């Protein structure tokens, strides 16, 4: 018996990366798959994104273009795309990800099993880019929680899918992640990026409050309130995965300082410690904001 051919709505949320967005959308247009649509949600971009979408893609029947008046956050943008989707499977893809021609075909193979609520080629624990959901599952468990705005919203949704009794799967579906942030030009941009990354961890508390058991395991919470400091240190020093070599970096693929000399190693270690303290401070603020202690 032949496997069912699933239809798919690919949702791409765009914000101020017109050059990379064009590469991503052109690659999606060439996918080796018979039944899919591409929904682009422009989340209040201030660069050439709106002009690009209007001139190049709006008249193409493969694309649905939606412009939000202001930057409303990834959750709002994704939910807008989901509500506009017409196909059976909802696929989330970041604007800086370039799929291989067989990416969608391989991703959707994950739904060949029964009772699957999420398939990802990025992470089976937290979803993220290159992650797909049956539309009926999303409408059953709820869409992205817009209180998160950005960061940990994927984990929250995956946890709700698991709580509803569905399975998650990770498959091999190749794409290239270009990481525009690798082009940080100066110290000011580095500091701004670092502050943004630290502030994101306020949402750790909201995730922990909503899912104490699952989030406690995911964040490696000790003594009921303390996220493992080594895990935070590893996130800043490239030691978060087994094959990682020490460097001052971000899990998003950005390397700031490599261990070229003993002095560099000392700076990397001090930077990692500073990051741990900053993240703990952000979580303390989140604890006050959300009424749940997590450091």
C-alpha atoms as a PDB file:
ATOM      1  CA  UNK A   1       0.000   0.000   0.000  1.00  0.00           C
ATOM      2  CA  UNK A   2       1.349   3.450  -0.935  1.00  0.00           C
ATOM      3  CA  UNK A   3       2.036   5.950   1.825  1.00  0.00           C
ATOM      4  CA  UNK A   4      -0.323   8.928   1.997  1.00  0.00           C
ATOM      5  CA  UNK A   5       0.978  12.116   0.339  1.00  0.00           C
ATOM      6  CA  UNK A   6       0.537  14.920   2.853  1.00  0.00           C
ATOM      7  CA  UNK A   7      -0.140  18.489   1.780  1.00  0.00           C
ATOM      8  CA  UNK A   8       1.866  21.196   3.551  1.00  0.00           C
ATOM      9  CA  UNK A   9       1.758  24.881   4.409  1.00  0.00           C
ATOM     10  CA  UNK A  10       5.276  26.259   4.955  1.00  0.00           C
ATOM     11  CA  UNK A  11       5.214  29.305   7.209  1.00  0.00           C
ATOM     12  CA  UNK A  12       8.167  31.699   7.071  1.00  0.00           C
ATOM     13  CA  UNK A  13       8.206  34.616   9.502  1.00  0.00           C
ATOM     14  CA  UNK A  14      10.389  37.452   8.225  1.00  0.00           C
ATOM     15  CA  UNK A  15      12.008  40.347  10.008  1.00  0.00           C
ATOM     16  CA  UNK A  16      14.763  42.535   8.515  1.00  0.00           C
ATOM     17  CA  UNK A  17      16.838  39.993   6.575  1.00  0.00           C
ATOM     18  CA  UNK A  18      15.671  40.621   3.012  1.00  0.00           C
ATOM     19  CA  UNK A  19      18.806  39.259   1.327  1.00  0.00           C
ATOM     20  CA  UNK A  20      18.765  35.894   3.061  1.00  0.00           C
ATOM     21  CA  UNK A  21      14.968  35.713   2.913  1.00  0.00           C
ATOM     22  CA  UNK A  22      15.097  35.894  -0.887  1.00  0.00           C
ATOM     23  CA  UNK A  23      17.524  32.953  -1.022  1.00  0.00           C
ATOM     24  CA  UNK A  24      15.314  30.925   1.315  1.00  0.00           C
ATOM     25  CA  UNK A  25      12.094  31.598  -0.600  1.00  0.00           C
ATOM     26  CA  UNK A  26      13.691  30.862  -3.976  1.00  0.00           C
ATOM     27  CA  UNK A  27      14.886  27.503  -2.603  1.00  0.00           C
ATOM     28  CA  UNK A  28      11.412  26.722  -1.233  1.00  0.00           C
ATOM     29  CA  UNK A  29       9.899  27.498  -4.603  1.00  0.00           C
ATOM     30  CA  UNK A  30      12.075  24.732  -6.144  1.00  0.00           C
ATOM     31  CA  UNK A  31      11.194  21.975  -3.656  1.00  0.00           C
ATOM     32  CA  UNK A  32      10.642  18.491  -5.020  1.00  0.00           C
ATOM     33  CA  UNK A  33       7.135  18.073  -3.625  1.00  0.00           C
ATOM     34  CA  UNK A  34       3.727  18.091  -5.352  1.00  0.00           C
ATOM     35  CA  UNK A  35       1.370  19.794  -2.898  1.00  0.00           C
ATOM     36  CA  UNK A  36       2.493  22.712  -0.772  1.00  0.00           C
ATOM     37  CA  UNK A  37       2.039  26.434  -0.270  1.00  0.00           C
ATOM     38  CA  UNK A  38       4.378  29.047   1.194  1.00  0.00           C
ATOM     39  CA  UNK A  39       3.030  31.652   3.612  1.00  0.00           C
ATOM     40  CA  UNK A  40       5.351  34.560   4.398  1.00  0.00           C
ATOM     41  CA  UNK A  41       4.501  36.737   7.393  1.00  0.00           C
ATOM     42  CA  UNK A  42       6.429  40.011   7.352  1.00  0.00           C
ATOM     43  CA  UNK A  43       6.612  40.930  11.041  1.00  0.00           C
ATOM     44  CA  UNK A  44       6.920  44.693  10.678  1.00  0.00           C
ATOM     45  CA  UNK A  45      10.290  44.735   8.904  1.00  0.00           C
ATOM     46  CA  UNK A  46      11.947  48.136   8.426  1.00  0.00           C
ATOM     47  CA  UNK A  47      14.391  47.107   5.682  1.00  0.00           C
ATOM     48  CA  UNK A  48      13.594  46.106   2.066  1.00  0.00           C
ATOM     49  CA  UNK A  49      11.620  42.992   3.056  1.00  0.00           C
ATOM     50  CA  UNK A  50       8.186  44.422   2.237  1.00  0.00           C
ATOM     51  CA  UNK A  51       9.334  45.748  -1.136  1.00  0.00           C
ATOM     52  CA  UNK A  52      10.949  42.399  -2.009  1.00  0.00           C
ATOM     53  CA  UNK A  53       7.830  40.436  -1.149  1.00  0.00           C
ATOM     54  CA  UNK A  54       5.513  42.776  -3.039  1.00  0.00           C
ATOM     55  CA  UNK A  55       7.608  42.930  -6.197  1.00  0.00           C
ATOM     56  CA  UNK A  56       8.836  39.349  -6.510  1.00  0.00           C
ATOM     57  CA  UNK A  57       6.441  36.999  -4.734  1.00  0.00           C
ATOM     58  CA  UNK A  58       2.995  38.535  -4.267  1.00  0.00           C
ATOM     59  CA  UNK A  59       1.776  37.646  -7.783  1.00  0.00           C
ATOM     60  CA  UNK A  60       3.129  34.080  -7.535  1.00  0.00           C
ATOM     61  CA  UNK A  61       0.277  31.693  -6.697  1.00  0.00           C
ATOM     62  CA  UNK A  62       2.667  29.540  -4.633  1.00  0.00           C
ATOM     63  CA  UNK A  63       2.967  32.333  -2.075  1.00  0.00           C
ATOM     64  CA  UNK A  64       0.641  34.038   0.372  1.00  0.00           C
ATOM     65  CA  UNK A  65       2.127  37.306   1.648  1.00  0.00           C
ATOM     66  CA  UNK A  66       0.973  38.852   4.938  1.00  0.00           C
ATOM     67  CA  UNK A  67       2.304  42.138   6.314  1.00  0.00           C
ATOM     68  CA  UNK A  68       1.976  42.980  10.020  1.00  0.00           C
ATOM     69  CA  UNK A  69       2.017  46.708  10.778  1.00  0.00           C
ATOM     70  CA  UNK A  70       4.600  46.446  13.564  1.00  0.00           C
ATOM     71  CA  UNK A  71       7.009  43.907  15.026  1.00  0.00           C
ATOM     72  CA  UNK A  72       4.637  41.729  17.055  1.00  0.00           C
ATOM     73  CA  UNK A  73       6.989  38.869  17.913  1.00  0.00           C
ATOM     74  CA  UNK A  74       7.564  35.431  16.484  1.00  0.00           C
ATOM     75  CA  UNK A  75       4.592  33.823  18.242  1.00  0.00           C
ATOM     76  CA  UNK A  76       2.097  36.324  16.858  1.00  0.00           C
ATOM     77  CA  UNK A  77       3.630  36.070  13.379  1.00  0.00           C
ATOM     78  CA  UNK A  78       3.530  32.263  13.417  1.00  0.00           C
ATOM     79  CA  UNK A  79      -0.059  32.174  14.642  1.00  0.00           C
ATOM     80  CA  UNK A  80      -1.029  34.584  11.875  1.00  0.00           C
ATOM     81  CA  UNK A  81       0.499  32.218   9.348  1.00  0.00           C
ATOM     82  CA  UNK A  82      -1.169  29.162  10.887  1.00  0.00           C
ATOM     83  CA  UNK A  83      -4.582  30.810  10.730  1.00  0.00           C
ATOM     84  CA  UNK A  84      -4.045  31.558   7.029  1.00  0.00           C
ATOM     85  CA  UNK A  85      -2.843  28.032   6.184  1.00  0.00           C
ATOM     86  CA  UNK A  86      -4.985  25.779   3.974  1.00  0.00           C
ATOM     87  CA  UNK A  87      -2.998  22.523   3.935  1.00  0.00           C
ATOM     88  CA  UNK A  88      -2.951  19.456   6.194  1.00  0.00           C
ATOM     89  CA  UNK A  89       0.534  19.865   7.718  1.00  0.00           C
ATOM     90  CA  UNK A  90       1.918  23.122   9.123  1.00  0.00           C
ATOM     91  CA  UNK A  91       5.679  23.529   8.665  1.00  0.00           C
ATOM     92  CA  UNK A  92       7.744  26.173  10.473  1.00  0.00           C
ATOM     93  CA  UNK A  93      10.889  27.345   8.686  1.00  0.00           C
ATOM     94  CA  UNK A  94      13.127  30.254   9.680  1.00  0.00           C
ATOM     95  CA  UNK A  95      13.869  32.996   7.181  1.00  0.00           C
ATOM     96  CA  UNK A  96      17.612  32.227   7.192  1.00  0.00           C
ATOM     97  CA  UNK A  97      17.255  28.513   6.376  1.00  0.00           C
ATOM     98  CA  UNK A  98      17.894  27.241   2.845  1.00  0.00           C
ATOM     99  CA  UNK A  99      16.265  23.829   2.264  1.00  0.00           C
ATOM    100  CA  UNK A 100      17.600  21.105   0.008  1.00  0.00           C
ATOM    101  CA  UNK A 101      15.222  20.083  -2.800  1.00  0.00           C
ATOM    102  CA  UNK A 102      14.155  16.919  -0.942  1.00  0.00           C
ATOM    103  CA  UNK A 103      13.857  18.640   2.462  1.00  0.00           C
ATOM    104  CA  UNK A 104      10.066  18.783   2.618  1.00  0.00           C
ATOM    105  CA  UNK A 105       9.617  15.250   1.278  1.00  0.00           C
ATOM    106  CA  UNK A 106      11.983  13.848   3.914  1.00  0.00           C
ATOM    107  CA  UNK A 107      10.491  15.946   6.707  1.00  0.00           C
ATOM    108  CA  UNK A 108       6.941  14.801   6.051  1.00  0.00           C
ATOM    109  CA  UNK A 109       7.961  11.132   6.010  1.00  0.00           C
ATOM    110  CA  UNK A 110       7.908  11.451   9.798  1.00  0.00           C
ATOM    111  CA  UNK A 111       4.114  11.424   9.695  1.00  0.00           C
ATOM    112  CA  UNK A 112       3.983   7.925   8.198  1.00  0.00           C
ATOM    113  CA  UNK A 113       3.582   6.578  11.747  1.00  0.00           C
ATOM    114  CA  UNK A 114       0.363   6.890  13.721  1.00  0.00           C
ATOM    115  CA  UNK A 115      -0.363   9.427  16.462  1.00  0.00           C
ATOM    116  CA  UNK A 116       2.546  11.739  15.580  1.00  0.00           C
ATOM    117  CA  UNK A 117       1.982  15.319  16.711  1.00  0.00           C
ATOM    118  CA  UNK A 118       5.317  16.862  15.722  1.00  0.00           C
ATOM    119  CA  UNK A 119       8.163  16.025  13.351  1.00  0.00           C
ATOM    120  CA  UNK A 120      11.419  17.975  13.283  1.00  0.00           C
ATOM    121  CA  UNK A 121      14.800  17.760  11.629  1.00  0.00           C
ATOM    122  CA  UNK A 122      16.094  20.300  14.177  1.00  0.00           C
ATOM    123  CA  UNK A 123      15.090  19.049  17.632  1.00  0.00           C
ATOM    124  CA  UNK A 124      12.638  16.434  18.881  1.00  0.00           C
ATOM    125  CA  UNK A 125      12.631  18.112  22.314  1.00  0.00           C
ATOM    126  CA  UNK A 126      11.968  21.719  21.455  1.00  0.00           C
ATOM    127  CA  UNK A 127      11.005  21.931  17.805  1.00  0.00           C
ATOM    128  CA  UNK A 128      12.326  25.123  16.232  1.00  0.00           C
ATOM    129  CA  UNK A 129      12.997  25.656  12.560  1.00  0.00           C
ATOM    130  CA  UNK A 130      12.278  22.788  10.134  1.00  0.00           C
ATOM    131  CA  UNK A 131       9.492  21.494  12.352  1.00  0.00           C
ATOM    132  CA  UNK A 132       6.056  20.300  11.238  1.00  0.00           C
ATOM    133  CA  UNK A 133       2.709  19.782  12.960  1.00  0.00           C
ATOM    134  CA  UNK A 134      -0.637  18.392  11.784  1.00  0.00           C
ATOM    135  CA  UNK A 135      -2.977  21.361  11.624  1.00  0.00           C
ATOM    136  CA  UNK A 136      -5.670  19.442  13.502  1.00  0.00           C
ATOM    137  CA  UNK A 137      -3.228  18.856  16.393  1.00  0.00           C
ATOM    138  CA  UNK A 138      -2.395  22.548  16.645  1.00  0.00           C
ATOM    139  CA  UNK A 139      -6.047  23.483  16.800  1.00  0.00           C
ATOM    140  CA  UNK A 140      -6.607  20.831  19.453  1.00  0.00           C
ATOM    141  CA  UNK A 141      -3.760  21.769  21.835  1.00  0.00           C
ATOM    142  CA  UNK A 142      -3.654  25.486  21.000  1.00  0.00           C
ATOM    143  CA  UNK A 143      -1.291  27.583  18.892  1.00  0.00           C
ATOM    144  CA  UNK A 144       1.890  29.318  20.040  1.00  0.00           C
ATOM    145  CA  UNK A 145       1.483  31.076  23.393  1.00  0.00           C
ATOM    146  CA  UNK A 146       1.990  34.744  22.539  1.00  0.00           C
ATOM    147  CA  UNK A 147       3.060  35.518  26.117  1.00  0.00           C
ATOM    148  CA  UNK A 148       6.460  34.114  25.131  1.00  0.00           C
ATOM    149  CA  UNK A 149       6.852  36.640  22.242  1.00  0.00           C
ATOM    150  CA  UNK A 150      10.076  34.840  21.285  1.00  0.00           C
ATOM    151  CA  UNK A 151      12.184  32.010  22.838  1.00  0.00           C
ATOM    152  CA  UNK A 152      10.916  28.826  24.520  1.00  0.00           C
ATOM    153  CA  UNK A 153       7.612  29.119  22.654  1.00  0.00           C
ATOM    154  CA  UNK A 154       8.551  25.999  20.676  1.00  0.00           C
ATOM    155  CA  UNK A 155       9.225  23.951  23.803  1.00  0.00           C
ATOM    156  CA  UNK A 156       5.934  25.055  25.329  1.00  0.00           C
ATOM    157  CA  UNK A 157       4.029  23.880  22.264  1.00  0.00           C
ATOM    158  CA  UNK A 158       5.879  20.560  22.095  1.00  0.00           C
ATOM    159  CA  UNK A 159       5.208  19.922  25.792  1.00  0.00           C
ATOM    160  CA  UNK A 160       1.489  20.535  25.240  1.00  0.00           C
ATOM    161  CA  UNK A 161       1.506  18.132  22.304  1.00  0.00           C
ATOM    162  CA  UNK A 162       3.177  15.455  24.445  1.00  0.00           C
ATOM    163  CA  UNK A 163       0.713  16.094  27.291  1.00  0.00           C
ATOM    164  CA  UNK A 164      -2.120  15.484  24.823  1.00  0.00           C
ATOM    165  CA  UNK A 165      -0.762  11.990  24.162  1.00  0.00           C
ATOM    166  CA  UNK A 166       0.940  12.512  20.821  1.00  0.00           C
ATOM    167  CA  UNK A 167       4.428  11.348  19.836  1.00  0.00           C
ATOM    168  CA  UNK A 168       7.265  13.470  18.466  1.00  0.00           C
ATOM    169  CA  UNK A 169       9.819  12.331  15.911  1.00  0.00           C
ATOM    170  CA  UNK A 170      13.139  13.581  14.607  1.00  0.00           C
ATOM    171  CA  UNK A 171      14.033  12.871  10.990  1.00  0.00           C
ATOM    172  CA  UNK A 172      16.833  13.720   8.579  1.00  0.00           C
ATOM    173  CA  UNK A 173      15.726  16.553   6.288  1.00  0.00           C
ATOM    174  CA  UNK A 174      18.657  18.705   5.226  1.00  0.00           C
ATOM    175  CA  UNK A 175      18.827  22.478   5.099  1.00  0.00           C
ATOM    176  CA  UNK A 176      21.506  25.134   5.459  1.00  0.00           C
ATOM    177  CA  UNK A 177      21.213  27.576   8.366  1.00  0.00           C
ATOM    178  CA  UNK A 178      22.961  30.799   7.355  1.00  0.00           C
ATOM    179  CA  UNK A 179      22.918  32.564  10.744  1.00  0.00           C
ATOM    180  CA  UNK A 180      22.856  36.225   9.758  1.00  0.00           C
ATOM    181  CA  UNK A 181      24.073  37.096  13.255  1.00  0.00           C
ATOM    182  CA  UNK A 182      27.515  35.829  12.276  1.00  0.00           C
ATOM    183  CA  UNK A 183      27.929  39.233  10.658  1.00  0.00           C
ATOM    184  CA  UNK A 184      28.041  41.231  13.903  1.00  0.00           C
ATOM    185  CA  UNK A 185      30.166  44.196  12.891  1.00  0.00           C
ATOM    186  CA  UNK A 186      31.375  45.825  16.100  1.00  0.00           C
ATOM    187  CA  UNK A 187      31.472  45.748  19.906  1.00  0.00           C
ATOM    188  CA  UNK A 188      28.167  47.594  20.172  1.00  0.00           C
ATOM    189  CA  UNK A 189      26.382  44.933  18.105  1.00  0.00           C
ATOM    190  CA  UNK A 190      28.052  42.194  20.160  1.00  0.00           C
ATOM    191  CA  UNK A 191      26.844  43.746  23.426  1.00  0.00           C
ATOM    192  CA  UNK A 192      23.344  44.301  22.071  1.00  0.00           C
ATOM    193  CA  UNK A 193      23.170  40.719  20.857  1.00  0.00           C
ATOM    194  CA  UNK A 194      24.435  39.425  24.225  1.00  0.00           C
ATOM    195  CA  UNK A 195      21.837  41.421  26.165  1.00  0.00           C
ATOM    196  CA  UNK A 196      19.083  40.105  23.907  1.00  0.00           C
ATOM    197  CA  UNK A 197      20.225  36.510  24.386  1.00  0.00           C
ATOM    198  CA  UNK A 198      20.319  36.936  28.172  1.00  0.00           C
ATOM    199  CA  UNK A 199      16.876  38.572  28.315  1.00  0.00           C
ATOM    200  CA  UNK A 200      15.411  35.637  26.410  1.00  0.00           C
ATOM    201  CA  UNK A 201      15.987  33.463  29.473  1.00  0.00           C
ATOM    202  CA  UNK A 202      13.258  35.320  31.327  1.00  0.00           C
ATOM    203  CA  UNK A 203      10.983  32.968  29.403  1.00  0.00           C
ATOM    204  CA  UNK A 204      12.624  29.974  31.076  1.00  0.00           C
ATOM    205  CA  UNK A 205      10.557  30.866  34.115  1.00  0.00           C
ATOM    206  CA  UNK A 206       7.290  30.993  32.181  1.00  0.00           C
ATOM    207  CA  UNK A 207       8.063  27.607  30.631  1.00  0.00           C
ATOM    208  CA  UNK A 208       8.917  26.159  34.076  1.00  0.00           C
ATOM    209  CA  UNK A 209       5.723  27.575  35.567  1.00  0.00           C
ATOM    210  CA  UNK A 210       3.543  26.062  32.840  1.00  0.00           C
ATOM    211  CA  UNK A 211       5.345  22.693  32.714  1.00  0.00           C
ATOM    212  CA  UNK A 212       7.227  22.124  35.986  1.00  0.00           C
ATOM    213  CA  UNK A 213       8.041  18.454  35.356  1.00  0.00           C
ATOM    214  CA  UNK A 214       8.919  18.594  31.663  1.00  0.00           C
ATOM    215  CA  UNK A 215      10.669  21.963  31.843  1.00  0.00           C
ATOM    216  CA  UNK A 216      12.483  20.923  34.998  1.00  0.00           C
ATOM    217  CA  UNK A 217      14.028  18.013  33.121  1.00  0.00           C
ATOM    218  CA  UNK A 218      14.631  20.062  29.954  1.00  0.00           C
ATOM    219  CA  UNK A 219      16.392  22.881  31.845  1.00  0.00           C
ATOM    220  CA  UNK A 220      18.066  20.441  34.264  1.00  0.00           C
ATOM    221  CA  UNK A 221      16.598  22.130  37.343  1.00  0.00           C
ATOM    222  CA  UNK A 222      18.202  21.154  40.666  1.00  0.00           C
ATOM    223  CA  UNK A 223      16.676  21.510  44.155  1.00  0.00           C
ATOM    224  CA  UNK A 224      13.381  22.609  42.624  1.00  0.00           C
ATOM    225  CA  UNK A 225      14.542  26.083  41.551  1.00  0.00           C
ATOM    226  CA  UNK A 226      18.162  26.118  40.248  1.00  0.00           C
ATOM    227  CA  UNK A 227      18.838  25.527  36.554  1.00  0.00           C
ATOM    228  CA  UNK A 228      22.147  23.683  36.260  1.00  0.00           C
ATOM    229  CA  UNK A 229      24.859  26.396  36.005  1.00  0.00           C
ATOM    230  CA  UNK A 230      27.069  24.078  33.957  1.00  0.00           C
ATOM    231  CA  UNK A 231      24.387  23.922  31.273  1.00  0.00           C
ATOM    232  CA  UNK A 232      24.294  27.738  31.135  1.00  0.00           C
ATOM    233  CA  UNK A 233      28.090  27.862  31.034  1.00  0.00           C
ATOM    234  CA  UNK A 234      28.138  25.352  28.191  1.00  0.00           C
ATOM    235  CA  UNK A 235      25.672  27.442  26.177  1.00  0.00           C
ATOM    236  CA  UNK A 236      28.156  30.328  26.185  1.00  0.00           C
ATOM    237  CA  UNK A 237      31.341  28.309  25.682  1.00  0.00           C
ATOM    238  CA  UNK A 238      30.327  25.827  22.954  1.00  0.00           C
ATOM    239  CA  UNK A 239      30.314  22.917  25.404  1.00  0.00           C
ATOM    240  CA  UNK A 240      26.559  22.381  25.177  1.00  0.00           C
ATOM    241  CA  UNK A 241      26.932  19.435  22.809  1.00  0.00           C
ATOM    242  CA  UNK A 242      29.236  16.400  23.193  1.00  0.00           C
ATOM    243  CA  UNK A 243      31.593  17.266  20.318  1.00  0.00           C
ATOM    244  CA  UNK A 244      31.853  20.963  21.138  1.00  0.00           C
ATOM    245  CA  UNK A 245      35.296  22.547  21.563  1.00  0.00           C
ATOM    246  CA  UNK A 246      35.615  25.447  23.955  1.00  0.00           C
ATOM    247  CA  UNK A 247      34.982  28.886  22.456  1.00  0.00           C
ATOM    248  CA  UNK A 248      33.018  31.985  23.388  1.00  0.00           C
ATOM    249  CA  UNK A 249      29.974  31.394  21.235  1.00  0.00           C
ATOM    250  CA  UNK A 250      26.229  31.070  20.907  1.00  0.00           C
ATOM    251  CA  UNK A 251      24.163  27.926  20.290  1.00  0.00           C
ATOM    252  CA  UNK A 252      22.868  29.749  17.205  1.00  0.00           C
ATOM    253  CA  UNK A 253      26.182  29.036  15.522  1.00  0.00           C
ATOM    254  CA  UNK A 254      28.030  32.287  16.221  1.00  0.00           C
ATOM    255  CA  UNK A 255      31.638  32.139  17.437  1.00  0.00           C
ATOM    256  CA  UNK A 256      33.077  35.272  19.026  1.00  0.00           C
ATOM    257  CA  UNK A 257      36.412  34.138  20.473  1.00  0.00           C
ATOM    258  CA  UNK A 258      38.393  30.991  19.618  1.00  0.00           C
ATOM    259  CA  UNK A 259      40.956  29.414  22.013  1.00  0.00           C
ATOM    260  CA  UNK A 260      44.037  30.530  20.082  1.00  0.00           C
ATOM    261  CA  UNK A 261      46.175  31.259  23.166  1.00  0.00           C
ATOM    262  CA  UNK A 262      45.981  30.659  26.942  1.00  0.00           C
ATOM    263  CA  UNK A 263      44.793  34.270  27.310  1.00  0.00           C
ATOM    264  CA  UNK A 264      41.918  33.563  24.937  1.00  0.00           C
ATOM    265  CA  UNK A 265      40.949  30.523  27.006  1.00  0.00           C
ATOM    266  CA  UNK A 266      40.923  32.617  30.192  1.00  0.00           C
ATOM    267  CA  UNK A 267      38.737  35.237  28.500  1.00  0.00           C
ATOM    268  CA  UNK A 268      36.368  32.513  27.261  1.00  0.00           C
ATOM    269  CA  UNK A 269      36.035  31.026  30.761  1.00  0.00           C
ATOM    270  CA  UNK A 270      35.448  34.457  32.320  1.00  0.00           C
ATOM    271  CA  UNK A 271      32.912  35.239  29.604  1.00  0.00           C
ATOM    272  CA  UNK A 272      31.123  31.980  30.343  1.00  0.00           C
ATOM    273  CA  UNK A 273      30.985  32.758  34.067  1.00  0.00           C
ATOM    274  CA  UNK A 274      29.688  36.266  33.356  1.00  0.00           C
ATOM    275  CA  UNK A 275      27.015  34.784  31.108  1.00  0.00           C
ATOM    276  CA  UNK A 276      25.910  32.374  33.849  1.00  0.00           C
ATOM    277  CA  UNK A 277      25.531  35.243  36.320  1.00  0.00           C
ATOM    278  CA  UNK A 278      23.640  37.354  33.781  1.00  0.00           C
ATOM    279  CA  UNK A 279      21.252  34.505  32.931  1.00  0.00           C
ATOM    280  CA  UNK A 280      20.606  33.851  36.625  1.00  0.00           C
ATOM    281  CA  UNK A 281      19.776  37.545  37.043  1.00  0.00           C
ATOM    282  CA  UNK A 282      17.371  37.412  34.095  1.00  0.00           C
ATOM    283  CA  UNK A 283      15.646  34.376  35.591  1.00  0.00           C
ATOM    284  CA  UNK A 284      15.374  36.153  38.944  1.00  0.00           C
ATOM    285  CA  UNK A 285      13.543  38.965  37.184  1.00  0.00           C
ATOM    286  CA  UNK A 286      11.362  36.359  35.489  1.00  0.00           C
ATOM    287  CA  UNK A 287      10.647  34.754  38.858  1.00  0.00           C
ATOM    288  CA  UNK A 288       9.272  38.053  40.135  1.00  0.00           C
ATOM    289  CA  UNK A 289       7.335  38.689  36.907  1.00  0.00           C
ATOM    290  CA  UNK A 290       5.719  35.239  36.654  1.00  0.00           C
ATOM    291  CA  UNK A 291       5.536  34.292  40.327  1.00  0.00           C
ATOM    292  CA  UNK A 292       7.599  31.101  40.059  1.00  0.00           C
ATOM    293  CA  UNK A 293      11.120  30.768  41.449  1.00  0.00           C
ATOM    294  CA  UNK A 294      13.794  29.712  38.980  1.00  0.00           C
ATOM    295  CA  UNK A 295      17.419  30.773  38.940  1.00  0.00           C
END
